[in-house]
Each structure stands twice: as structure tokens, then as C-alpha cells.
Protein backbone atom coordinates (compact mmCIF):
# COMPACT_ATOMS: atom_id res chain seq x y z
CA UNK A 1 112.78 55.95 -38.35
CA UNK A 2 113.81 52.45 -37.46
CA UNK A 3 111.13 50.23 -35.99
CA UNK A 4 111.47 49.54 -32.27
CA UNK A 5 113.38 46.42 -31.29
CA UNK A 6 111.01 43.69 -30.27
CA UNK A 7 111.44 42.60 -26.68
CA UNK A 8 110.60 39.13 -25.50
CA UNK A 9 107.86 39.02 -22.89
CA UNK A 10 108.61 36.48 -20.17
CA UNK A 11 105.87 33.84 -20.11
CA UNK A 12 104.28 33.70 -16.68
CA UNK A 13 103.31 30.42 -15.10
CA UNK A 14 99.54 30.25 -14.66
CA UNK A 15 98.55 31.22 -11.14
CA UNK A 16 96.88 28.38 -9.32
CA UNK A 17 95.25 28.33 -5.90
CA UNK A 18 97.36 25.31 -4.95
CA UNK A 19 100.26 23.35 -6.33
CA UNK A 20 98.34 20.08 -5.89
CA UNK A 21 94.80 19.11 -4.95
CA UNK A 22 93.92 15.60 -3.79
CA UNK A 23 90.35 14.29 -4.00
CA UNK A 24 89.79 11.97 -1.05
CA UNK A 25 91.42 11.44 2.36
CA UNK A 26 91.67 7.66 2.45
CA UNK A 27 95.08 5.95 2.55
CA UNK A 28 95.93 6.93 -1.04
CA UNK A 29 94.93 10.54 -0.60
CA UNK A 30 96.70 10.83 2.73
CA UNK A 31 99.90 9.33 1.35
CA UNK A 32 99.92 11.79 -1.55
CA UNK A 33 99.04 14.80 0.63
CA UNK A 34 101.74 14.10 3.21
CA UNK A 35 104.41 13.44 0.58
CA UNK A 36 103.61 16.63 -1.33
CA UNK A 37 103.29 18.79 1.78
CA UNK A 38 106.65 17.61 3.11
CA UNK A 39 108.15 18.56 -0.27
CA UNK A 40 107.09 22.14 0.27
CA UNK A 41 104.05 22.23 -1.99
CA UNK A 42 100.84 24.13 -1.28
CA UNK A 43 98.41 21.25 -0.88
CA UNK A 44 94.66 20.96 -0.47
CA UNK A 45 92.48 17.90 0.01
CA UNK A 46 88.78 17.64 -0.75
CA UNK A 47 86.78 15.27 1.44
CA UNK A 48 83.03 14.93 0.91
CA UNK A 49 82.38 13.78 4.48
CA UNK A 50 82.88 15.77 7.68
CA UNK A 51 85.69 13.53 8.93
CA UNK A 52 88.91 12.51 7.21
CA UNK A 53 89.95 8.90 6.69
CA UNK A 54 87.79 7.82 3.78
CA UNK A 55 86.02 4.48 3.45
CA UNK A 56 89.02 2.69 4.97
CA UNK A 57 88.52 4.41 8.33
CA UNK A 58 84.74 4.76 8.44
CA UNK A 59 83.19 1.77 6.64
CA UNK A 60 85.86 -0.68 5.53
CA UNK A 61 89.18 -1.75 6.97
CA UNK A 62 89.09 -0.18 10.44
CA UNK A 63 85.51 -0.95 11.55
CA UNK A 64 85.46 -4.48 10.12
CA UNK A 65 88.78 -5.36 11.75
CA UNK A 66 87.67 -3.81 15.05
CA UNK A 67 84.51 -5.91 14.87
CA UNK A 68 86.56 -8.98 14.07
CA UNK A 69 88.87 -8.36 17.04
CA UNK A 70 85.95 -8.01 19.47
CA UNK A 71 84.32 -11.21 18.24
CA UNK A 72 87.61 -13.11 18.30
CA UNK A 73 88.20 -12.12 21.94
CA UNK A 74 84.59 -13.08 22.73
CA UNK A 75 85.16 -16.52 21.24
CA UNK A 76 88.38 -16.94 23.23
CA UNK A 77 86.55 -15.93 26.40
CA UNK A 78 83.79 -18.47 25.85
CA UNK A 79 86.25 -21.26 25.05
CA UNK A 80 88.71 -20.53 27.85
CA UNK A 81 88.25 -23.08 30.65
CA UNK A 82 89.34 -20.48 33.25
CA UNK A 83 86.14 -18.51 32.80
CA UNK A 84 82.56 -19.42 33.49
CA UNK A 85 80.15 -17.11 31.73
CA UNK A 86 77.13 -15.80 33.54
CA UNK A 87 74.19 -17.69 32.05
CA UNK A 88 72.36 -14.39 31.63
CA UNK A 89 75.19 -12.90 29.56
CA UNK A 90 76.19 -15.57 27.07
CA UNK A 91 74.98 -13.63 24.04
CA UNK A 92 76.72 -10.63 22.50
CA UNK A 93 74.96 -8.61 19.82
CA UNK A 94 76.31 -6.96 16.68
CA UNK A 95 75.15 -3.59 17.99
CA UNK A 96 77.17 -4.06 21.18
CA UNK A 97 80.44 -4.80 19.41
CA UNK A 98 79.89 -1.81 17.11
CA UNK A 99 80.54 0.44 20.11
CA UNK A 100 84.17 -0.71 20.23
CA UNK A 101 84.53 -0.09 16.50
CA UNK A 102 83.11 3.42 16.90
CA UNK A 103 85.73 4.20 19.52
CA UNK A 104 88.55 3.05 17.25
CA UNK A 105 87.17 5.16 14.39
CA UNK A 106 87.15 8.27 16.61
CA UNK A 107 90.78 7.70 17.58
CA UNK A 108 91.80 7.19 13.96
CA UNK A 109 90.01 10.35 12.82
CA UNK A 110 91.73 12.44 15.52
CA UNK A 111 95.12 11.01 14.59
CA UNK A 112 94.68 11.45 10.84
CA UNK A 113 93.29 14.97 11.26
CA UNK A 114 96.44 15.91 13.19
CA UNK A 115 98.57 14.89 10.21
CA UNK A 116 96.85 17.44 7.97
CA UNK A 117 97.03 20.15 10.62
CA UNK A 118 100.70 19.56 11.37
CA UNK A 119 101.66 19.63 7.69
CA UNK A 120 99.45 22.67 6.94
CA UNK A 121 97.32 20.91 4.36
CA UNK A 122 94.06 22.75 3.66
CA UNK A 123 90.96 20.57 3.99
CA UNK A 124 87.71 21.30 2.15
CA UNK A 125 84.74 19.23 3.25
CA UNK A 126 82.82 19.21 0.00
CA UNK A 127 81.96 17.31 -3.18
CA UNK A 128 84.32 17.86 -6.10
CA UNK A 129 83.59 18.06 -9.82
CA UNK A 130 85.93 18.84 -12.71
CA UNK A 131 85.00 22.01 -14.59
CA UNK A 132 88.28 22.40 -16.47
CA UNK A 133 91.69 20.81 -16.96
CA UNK A 134 93.04 22.34 -13.73
CA UNK A 135 89.78 23.44 -12.09
CA UNK A 136 87.52 21.74 -9.59
CA UNK A 137 84.18 23.07 -8.46
CA UNK A 138 83.45 22.12 -4.87
CA UNK A 139 80.03 22.09 -3.24
CA UNK A 140 79.84 22.24 0.54
CA UNK A 141 77.08 20.84 2.72
CA UNK A 142 75.23 24.18 2.84
CA UNK A 143 75.13 24.32 -0.96
CA UNK A 144 77.79 27.01 -1.35
CA UNK A 145 80.13 26.56 -4.29
CA UNK A 146 83.59 27.73 -5.30
CA UNK A 147 86.17 26.82 -7.92
CA UNK A 148 89.66 25.72 -6.91
CA UNK A 149 92.61 25.31 -9.24
CA UNK A 150 95.88 23.40 -9.07
CA UNK A 151 98.79 22.49 -11.29
CA UNK A 152 98.30 18.83 -10.42
CA UNK A 153 95.26 16.85 -9.29
CA UNK A 154 95.28 13.42 -7.65
CA UNK A 155 92.10 11.34 -7.74
CA UNK A 156 91.99 9.20 -4.60
CA UNK A 157 88.22 9.06 -4.17
CA UNK A 158 88.08 5.40 -3.19
CA UNK A 159 85.26 2.96 -3.88
CA UNK A 160 81.87 1.88 -2.62
CA UNK A 161 80.02 -1.44 -2.58
CA UNK A 162 78.72 -2.57 -5.96
CA UNK A 163 74.94 -2.22 -6.06
CA UNK A 164 73.05 -3.94 -8.88
CA UNK A 165 70.06 -1.89 -10.02
CA UNK A 166 67.77 -4.89 -9.49
CA UNK A 167 68.40 -5.00 -5.73
CA UNK A 168 66.37 -2.68 -3.46
CA UNK A 169 68.99 -1.46 -1.01
CA UNK A 170 66.42 0.88 0.54
CA UNK A 171 64.71 -2.13 2.09
CA UNK A 172 65.51 -2.24 5.84
CA UNK A 173 66.64 -5.87 5.67
CA UNK A 174 68.97 -5.57 2.67
CA UNK A 175 72.49 -4.32 3.43
CA UNK A 176 75.81 -3.76 1.72
CA UNK A 177 79.21 -3.71 3.45
CA UNK A 178 78.81 0.02 4.26
CA UNK A 179 75.25 0.01 5.54
CA UNK A 180 75.74 -3.18 7.58
CA UNK A 181 77.42 -0.94 10.15
CA UNK A 182 74.00 0.60 10.79
CA UNK A 183 72.51 -2.78 11.79
CA UNK A 184 70.81 -2.36 15.13
CA UNK A 185 68.62 -5.46 15.19
CA UNK A 186 69.77 -8.77 16.63
CA UNK A 187 69.46 -11.19 13.68
CA UNK A 188 69.46 -14.92 14.26
CA UNK A 189 70.01 -15.82 10.59
CA UNK A 190 72.00 -13.90 7.97
CA UNK A 191 72.56 -14.56 4.27
CA UNK A 192 75.83 -13.23 2.84
CA UNK A 193 75.90 -13.06 -0.94
CA UNK A 194 79.50 -12.92 -2.18
CA UNK A 195 82.30 -14.97 -0.67
CA UNK A 196 85.23 -12.69 -1.42
CA UNK A 197 87.36 -11.09 1.28
CA UNK A 198 84.54 -8.94 2.69
CA UNK A 199 81.96 -11.72 2.59
CA UNK A 200 84.25 -14.21 4.34
CA UNK A 201 85.26 -11.70 7.01
CA UNK A 202 81.65 -10.86 7.88
CA UNK A 203 80.71 -14.57 7.80
CA UNK A 204 83.32 -15.06 10.55
CA UNK A 205 82.03 -12.10 12.55
CA UNK A 206 78.37 -13.13 12.48
CA UNK A 207 79.08 -16.80 13.11
CA UNK A 208 81.30 -15.85 16.05
CA UNK A 209 78.28 -14.08 17.54
CA UNK A 210 76.25 -17.27 17.23
CA UNK A 211 74.28 -16.11 14.19
CA UNK A 212 73.30 -18.72 11.63
CA UNK A 213 75.12 -17.87 8.39
CA UNK A 214 74.47 -18.90 4.79
CA UNK A 215 77.43 -17.88 2.61
CA UNK A 216 76.65 -17.86 -1.11
CA UNK A 217 79.65 -18.00 -3.42
CA UNK A 218 79.38 -17.44 -7.17
CA UNK A 219 82.71 -19.22 -7.69
CA UNK A 220 83.67 -22.84 -7.17
CA UNK A 221 85.88 -22.25 -4.11
CA UNK A 222 86.48 -19.66 -1.42
CA UNK A 223 89.14 -17.02 -2.13
CA UNK A 224 90.33 -18.74 -5.31
CA UNK A 225 93.31 -16.36 -5.61
CA UNK A 226 94.86 -17.81 -2.46
CA UNK A 227 96.97 -20.94 -2.19
CA UNK A 228 94.47 -23.79 -2.52
CA UNK A 229 95.59 -25.50 0.70
CA UNK A 230 94.95 -22.31 2.67
CA UNK A 231 91.61 -21.80 0.92
CA UNK A 232 90.64 -25.38 1.79
CA UNK A 233 91.63 -24.76 5.42
CA UNK A 234 89.27 -21.79 5.61
CA UNK A 235 86.47 -23.77 3.95
CA UNK A 236 86.87 -26.59 6.45
CA UNK A 237 86.99 -24.17 9.39
CA UNK A 238 83.82 -22.46 8.17
CA UNK A 239 82.09 -25.80 7.68
CA UNK A 240 83.23 -27.01 11.10
CA UNK A 241 81.92 -23.82 12.76
CA UNK A 242 78.49 -24.25 11.20
CA UNK A 243 78.60 -21.84 8.26
CA UNK A 244 76.60 -23.18 5.33
CA UNK A 245 78.48 -22.50 2.08
CA UNK A 246 76.88 -22.75 -1.34
CA UNK A 247 79.37 -22.63 -4.21
CA UNK A 248 78.71 -21.83 -7.86
CA UNK A 249 75.46 -19.96 -7.27
CA UNK A 250 74.21 -16.73 -8.91
CA UNK A 251 71.40 -14.62 -7.51
CA UNK A 252 68.30 -14.09 -9.64
CA UNK A 253 66.52 -11.60 -7.41
CA UNK A 254 66.18 -10.63 -3.77
CA UNK A 255 62.74 -10.37 -2.20
CA UNK A 256 62.46 -8.10 0.83
CA UNK A 257 59.61 -8.92 3.19
CA UNK A 258 58.38 -7.51 6.48
CA UNK A 259 59.47 -10.65 8.34
CA UNK A 260 62.70 -11.33 6.49
CA UNK A 261 64.38 -11.53 3.12
CA UNK A 262 64.31 -14.26 0.47
CA UNK A 263 67.23 -14.86 -1.90
CA UNK A 264 66.18 -16.47 -5.17
CA UNK A 265 69.04 -18.19 -7.01
CA UNK A 266 69.29 -18.87 -10.73
CA UNK A 267 69.62 -22.59 -9.94
CA UNK A 268 66.03 -22.51 -8.66
CA UNK A 269 66.98 -22.65 -5.00
CA UNK A 270 65.73 -20.05 -2.55
CA UNK A 271 66.82 -19.13 0.95
CA UNK A 272 65.18 -17.08 3.69
CA UNK A 273 66.85 -15.21 6.55
CA UNK A 274 66.35 -12.21 8.84
CA UNK A 275 68.54 -10.05 6.58
CA UNK A 276 71.03 -10.22 3.74
CA UNK A 277 74.48 -8.70 3.27
CA UNK A 278 75.21 -8.17 -0.44
CA UNK A 279 79.01 -8.20 -0.70
CA UNK A 280 79.79 -8.90 -4.33
CA UNK A 281 82.40 -6.42 -5.52
CA UNK A 282 83.06 -2.69 -5.40
CA UNK A 283 82.76 0.34 -7.70
CA UNK A 284 85.17 3.26 -7.98
CA UNK A 285 83.84 6.64 -6.83
CA UNK A 286 84.34 8.43 -10.14
CA UNK A 287 80.82 8.84 -11.51
CA UNK A 288 80.24 12.23 -9.83
CA UNK A 289 83.58 13.78 -10.84
CA UNK A 290 82.50 14.87 -14.36
CA UNK A 291 85.55 13.21 -15.87
CA UNK A 292 84.32 14.11 -19.35
CA UNK A 293 85.29 17.72 -18.65
CA UNK A 294 88.96 16.67 -18.75
CA UNK A 295 88.69 13.95 -21.37
CA UNK A 296 88.83 10.97 -19.01
CA UNK A 297 86.52 7.96 -18.94
CA UNK A 298 86.20 5.27 -16.28
CA UNK A 299 85.41 1.63 -17.04
CA UNK A 300 82.24 -0.20 -16.03
CA UNK A 301 83.43 -0.51 -12.42
CA UNK A 302 84.36 3.18 -12.13
CA UNK A 303 88.09 2.55 -12.44
CA UNK A 304 90.70 4.62 -14.29
CA UNK A 305 93.70 3.49 -16.31
CA UNK A 306 97.10 4.80 -15.20
CA UNK A 307 100.71 4.30 -16.25
CA UNK A 308 103.69 3.33 -14.10
CA UNK A 309 103.77 6.87 -12.66
CA UNK A 310 100.05 6.65 -11.79
CA UNK A 311 99.34 9.26 -14.44
CA UNK A 312 96.03 9.08 -16.26
CA UNK A 313 95.71 9.93 -19.94
CA UNK A 314 95.84 13.57 -18.83
CA UNK A 315 99.47 14.05 -17.66
CA UNK A 316 98.80 16.39 -14.73
CA UNK A 317 95.97 14.22 -13.34
CA UNK A 318 96.94 11.18 -11.30
CA UNK A 319 94.93 8.39 -9.67
CA UNK A 320 95.68 5.99 -6.80
CA UNK A 321 93.91 3.46 -4.61
CA UNK A 322 90.67 1.68 -5.34
CA UNK A 323 89.90 3.90 -8.35
CA UNK A 324 92.66 2.13 -10.30
CA UNK A 325 91.77 -1.43 -9.24
CA UNK A 326 94.33 -4.06 -8.25
CA UNK A 327 95.60 -4.52 -5.62
CA UNK A 328 92.84 -2.52 -3.87
CA UNK A 329 94.57 -2.68 -0.48
CA UNK A 330 94.79 0.14 2.05
CA UNK A 331 98.48 -0.63 2.58
CA UNK A 332 99.24 -0.44 -1.14
CA UNK A 333 97.11 2.69 -1.63
CA UNK A 334 99.14 4.63 0.94
CA UNK A 335 102.37 3.66 -0.85
CA UNK A 336 100.86 4.60 -4.21
CA UNK A 337 100.00 8.04 -2.85
CA UNK A 338 103.50 8.49 -1.48
CA UNK A 339 105.02 7.44 -4.82
CA UNK A 340 102.76 9.86 -6.71
CA UNK A 341 103.92 12.69 -4.46
CA UNK A 342 107.50 12.00 -5.50
CA UNK A 343 106.52 11.73 -9.16
CA UNK A 344 104.80 15.14 -9.10
CA UNK A 345 107.72 16.88 -7.40
CA UNK A 346 110.54 15.20 -9.31
CA UNK A 347 108.82 14.43 -12.61
CA UNK A 348 108.96 10.66 -12.31
CA UNK A 349 108.58 7.88 -9.79
CA UNK A 350 111.81 6.98 -8.06
CA UNK A 351 110.29 3.78 -6.68
CA UNK A 352 107.49 1.36 -7.38
CA UNK A 353 105.29 -0.91 -5.31
CA UNK A 354 107.03 -4.10 -4.34
CA UNK A 355 106.27 -7.07 -6.57
CA UNK A 356 105.15 -9.37 -3.79
CA UNK A 357 102.51 -7.43 -1.86
CA UNK A 358 101.32 -9.21 1.29
CA UNK A 359 97.63 -9.95 1.61
CA UNK A 360 95.90 -10.10 4.99
CA UNK A 361 92.37 -11.49 5.27
CA UNK A 362 90.81 -10.96 8.67
CA UNK A 363 88.58 -13.97 8.99
CA UNK A 364 88.53 -15.94 12.23
CA UNK A 365 91.22 -17.33 12.14
CA UNK A 366 93.19 -14.92 9.94
CA UNK A 367 94.79 -15.69 6.59
CA UNK A 368 97.89 -14.01 5.21
CA UNK A 369 100.04 -14.64 2.20
CA UNK A 370 103.00 -13.21 0.29
CA UNK A 371 104.74 -14.51 -2.83
CA UNK A 372 103.84 -17.43 -5.04
CA UNK A 373 101.27 -20.15 -4.45
CA UNK A 374 101.90 -23.84 -5.05
CA UNK A 375 99.65 -23.66 -8.11
CA UNK A 376 101.66 -20.82 -9.63
CA UNK A 377 104.99 -22.53 -9.02
CA UNK A 378 103.73 -25.81 -10.48
CA UNK A 379 102.40 -24.04 -13.58
CA UNK A 380 105.76 -22.27 -14.02
CA UNK A 381 107.61 -25.60 -13.56
CA UNK A 382 109.76 -24.24 -10.76
CA UNK A 383 111.24 -27.00 -8.57
CA UNK A 384 110.08 -26.16 -5.07
CA UNK A 385 109.66 -27.84 -1.73
CA UNK A 386 107.27 -27.21 1.15
CA UNK A 387 107.97 -26.72 4.84
CA UNK A 388 105.09 -26.77 7.31
CA UNK A 389 104.54 -25.96 10.98
CA UNK A 390 101.28 -26.77 12.73
CA UNK A 391 100.31 -24.20 15.35
CA UNK A 392 98.99 -26.91 17.67
CA UNK A 393 102.58 -28.06 18.16
CA UNK A 394 103.84 -24.61 19.26
CA UNK A 395 104.06 -23.88 22.98
CA UNK A 396 102.90 -20.27 22.53
CA UNK A 397 99.77 -21.40 20.66
CA UNK A 398 99.04 -23.98 23.34
CA UNK A 399 99.40 -21.34 26.05
CA UNK A 400 97.09 -18.93 24.22
CA UNK A 401 94.69 -21.75 23.27
CA UNK A 402 94.94 -20.72 19.57
CA UNK A 403 95.81 -24.13 18.19
CA UNK A 404 94.02 -23.86 14.85
CA UNK A 405 96.28 -22.99 11.94
CA UNK A 406 99.63 -23.51 10.31
CA UNK A 407 102.55 -21.83 8.54
CA UNK A 408 103.61 -22.97 5.08
CA UNK A 409 106.90 -22.03 3.42
CA UNK A 410 107.57 -22.62 -0.28
CA UNK A 411 111.23 -22.57 -1.27
CA UNK A 412 113.41 -23.43 -4.29
CA UNK A 413 114.88 -26.92 -4.01
CA UNK A 414 118.27 -25.87 -5.40
CA UNK A 415 118.85 -22.28 -4.27
CA UNK A 416 116.75 -22.59 -1.10
CA UNK A 417 115.26 -19.14 -1.81
CA UNK A 418 111.89 -18.53 -0.18
CA UNK A 419 109.27 -18.24 -2.93
CA UNK A 420 106.03 -17.99 -1.00
CA UNK A 421 104.71 -17.76 2.56
CA UNK A 422 101.17 -18.77 3.50
CA UNK A 423 99.73 -18.64 6.99
CA UNK A 424 96.37 -19.63 8.43
CA UNK A 425 95.66 -18.94 12.07
CA UNK A 426 95.48 -16.27 14.75
CA UNK A 427 97.90 -13.36 14.12
CA UNK A 428 98.66 -14.65 10.60
CA UNK A 429 98.77 -11.10 9.19
CA UNK A 430 101.57 -10.28 11.66
CA UNK A 431 103.44 -13.58 11.38
CA UNK A 432 103.80 -13.39 7.59
CA UNK A 433 105.95 -10.24 7.77
CA UNK A 434 108.79 -12.11 9.47
CA UNK A 435 109.24 -14.30 6.43
CA UNK A 436 108.59 -11.42 4.06
CA UNK A 437 111.58 -9.55 5.51
CA UNK A 438 113.88 -12.47 4.66
CA UNK A 439 112.28 -13.13 1.27
CA UNK A 440 113.04 -9.53 0.23
CA UNK A 441 116.77 -9.82 0.94
CA UNK A 442 119.23 -9.64 -1.96
CA UNK A 443 122.64 -11.17 -2.71
CA UNK A 444 121.98 -14.54 -1.12
CA UNK A 445 120.17 -13.18 1.93
CA UNK A 446 116.93 -14.83 0.88
CA UNK A 447 117.38 -18.37 2.15
CA UNK A 448 115.21 -20.66 4.23
CA UNK A 449 118.33 -21.67 6.15
CA UNK A 450 118.17 -18.29 7.92
CA UNK A 451 115.41 -19.69 10.12
CA UNK A 452 117.49 -22.71 11.08
CA UNK A 453 120.55 -20.70 12.07
CA UNK A 454 118.63 -17.99 13.96
CA UNK A 455 117.65 -18.28 17.62
CA UNK A 456 114.04 -17.25 18.28
CA UNK A 457 112.48 -16.18 21.55
CA UNK A 458 110.73 -19.10 23.19
CA UNK A 459 107.82 -19.52 23.37
CA UNK A 460 106.67 -17.40 20.42
CA UNK A 461 104.60 -17.82 17.28
CA UNK A 462 107.73 -16.82 15.31
CA UNK A 463 109.15 -20.21 16.24
CA UNK A 464 106.87 -21.60 13.53
CA UNK A 465 109.45 -20.45 10.98
CA UNK A 466 112.17 -22.61 12.51
CA UNK A 467 109.84 -25.61 12.66
CA UNK A 468 108.67 -25.11 9.07
CA UNK A 469 112.22 -24.57 7.78
CA UNK A 470 113.48 -27.78 9.38
CA UNK A 471 110.44 -29.64 8.10
CA UNK A 472 111.09 -28.46 4.55
CA UNK A 473 114.85 -28.97 4.54
CA UNK A 474 114.35 -32.53 5.81
CA UNK A 475 112.47 -33.25 2.57
CA UNK A 476 115.51 -32.53 0.41
CA UNK A 477 117.67 -35.39 -0.86
């Protein structure tokens, strides 16, 4: 009897609960979830808090910018000669302006929640931990657990303020950039340790409220990654507004007292204030994910390495946003999530982040930048010229009484291509995008002469581009 003919058994694809699971609902997680859902995938997101939006919506970008807006309007009100403040209401507290921020957060949560509902993305409000290559164990607030599986997993768990072990953040007068939103007292003197983006923004907010501010910087200049002229402008504005800046200082220890807090510096100096905001860096939220279960390891700041497709060392696990480090911007994180969604569906990224990512820093006044700085162009020996426009010379700025600031255009002397745009002043983060749109043009479209040959509405802040372009072109010979 002949043996039976062997038949090939069709290999079944492993059955997963979802096609993709995203950990985190900040900008990166939202971008990935929306992209994947619109591609027809079965998508779930895991959010440890009861509201979507992540740190961006609840503790970072949205609340701090809402606070900044309120304080900026308050300053305008006080300085506007049309208004005479009631002598009994010349002081606005941090707690009072938090109410506006809370309203903005509620609106953002409702909006972002509707995105998940409309695209039929399943939301689990729980903590997530890897228990296998494709498995995540989630723990809900009531302690109940379940295991979810997916073919692909995207880590978009964001970051939190860096907390040195030597600092007692349980002390009621010691805050980080998350817990500062719980400040209910009315401090008269605040120390801010760390003069990066967050430190400078909160220095503006507190000083705008009339609070005495000591800003301690462990570097030799503010925002050293910015064009030095813009950085110097911010330093002067801070100094002129009464902010006391100490450069090149490192903290030794922080002493919390009942009547205040004392910052001891390694230089031997010490400072006392009502409270301190420790704003010196951030840490990726990866320590609770049990990365070892899938063979991944984060660096000392909780960040993961990824390739150009945002894949980690495990091909079906991706990471976006703050957990991968630079550029650590909400705007970039959303684009990273969107790009990852395409990579998962099509097997590779069809696009990448733009090379020149704009940076907006919401101090008072704002700072925004895109492209190269003067220092970078000089180091690269690129022949460039500078065009400047002072806001105080613009009719719109005079009307709005926002005279502080300027626009600076860097362009190639020979090709006249725009190489960098740097703006300091009210609405800088909006103004910079006008120049960015021209700078991104191809086939000769990127030219500073565009601003000379284009008619702008008058009066507008956009007119600064025409003024700066003429100023720069007049330097050529």
C-alpha cells in the first residue's frame, strides 16, 4: 500500500486582538492611531489617565501656553493707556489664571476624544506592561487586569520632568513643571532652576504676574541652541523686566523649610524664595513598560533608539515622540505618529520629517526660529547676508502697542535663497511660518526677492518680511 500523499497545511496568521496597539494618547499616539484607523486597521490605544491628550494637553504645551496667553493679555491691559485699573484689582494670581487654562484643557479633551470615537479606536484607560513580544498586560484603576495582543505596537508614552533622587519633590514648596499646575498659593518670590524652554517660559509667566524671579541657568547663556542674537534679545528683555539670571551655576542641594525653600549652589551661593520650580530636563516614560520582556532597553533618560522608520530593535515595535528624544516637539511627534502609521500599513515610510523643523518658544515676548543660525552658517563658511525689520517701525505693532521685537532673515548672498528665519516678539511663532513656506519652495521658488515683489496687507505684522528683505538686499554689492 502506497503511503498517503502529504498535503501542505496552510499556515494561519496568529490571531491578535488588534492589528495595532498604541501606548499613549499624546500627539504621537494620536497621530499614529488616526493614521492606522483611517487605513482600516483595528486599533486600540492605552492611556493611563482618565482623559486623552497626554502630557501635552494636561501638563505641558496646552496649559503653559494658556497661562502665557492670559499673562500676556494682563500685561497689555496694564500697559495700555486707554485703561485705568481699579486700584483694588491690580494683582492677578497664578491660581486665577489657571482657571482659563483648565477651560482650554477641557475643550481639548472633548475634541481629541471625538477623534477616537469617530474613527472607532478602542480606548483602554489603564497602565500597560509588556508580557510578550506581541502582548501587553493592562491594569485598570480598579486593579483588574487583562492581556491584549497586536501585530504591531507603538510606544508613544511621552515623558515627565526629570527628578533627581536628591531633591524632595514631596515638599509642598518644591515643584516640577507638572506639579506647578497645582500651585494654589500666591508666591511673591520664585526660584526657577533650569533655563531651558520650560524654565524661560515660566520665568515670563511669573514675572508677568509681578512675582520676583531668580532664574538659575547651568549653561553660559539662555537657550544656547538658538541664534545668539535672538538669545541675547531674550536675556536683555528678562533683565529689563527684573528677572535675575545666574548663568553657569549647578545646584548642590535644595532645602525645603516651613517658611520657604533655600537653593544651595555648588559655587557656594545660596538663594531663598517662597518656592522653587525645578525645570532641568525630562525623562521618557518607559521605566514601567517592562521593556526587558521584549529585549529592549532605554538609555539613562528613558529614551529608545529607532531607525528611519521609527522601528526599535524589535521590528514590530515602534516608538515616537518624547521617548525617542530630539526634537521633542508636540508638532513633530504628531507627524512622527502619522508617518509610523504609513510605515506599518505599507511596510516603509513614504515620507520623513522635514529637515528644518520650526521651533516656537512661548516666552513673553515669543521666540520662533526655522533653518540655520548665523553661527552655523559662519562655521560652514556659507556666504550669507542678514535682513532685519524692527517691530517698533511697523504700523500694526504700533497700533497693538507690541513694539518689542524684530524679524531676522538670513539668505545666501549669491543665490538669494533664504537659509534661516529668526523672530523675537509677539506672535513670533505665527510670523515665522510665512517665511518657512517660501523657504521650502523648490526650483528657484526659495528667494528673498519674493517678499519684495509681493504686496502685503497693510498694516500687518507680515509686512516685516518686506522690510527685512529690502534691508538685506540693500546690503548686497
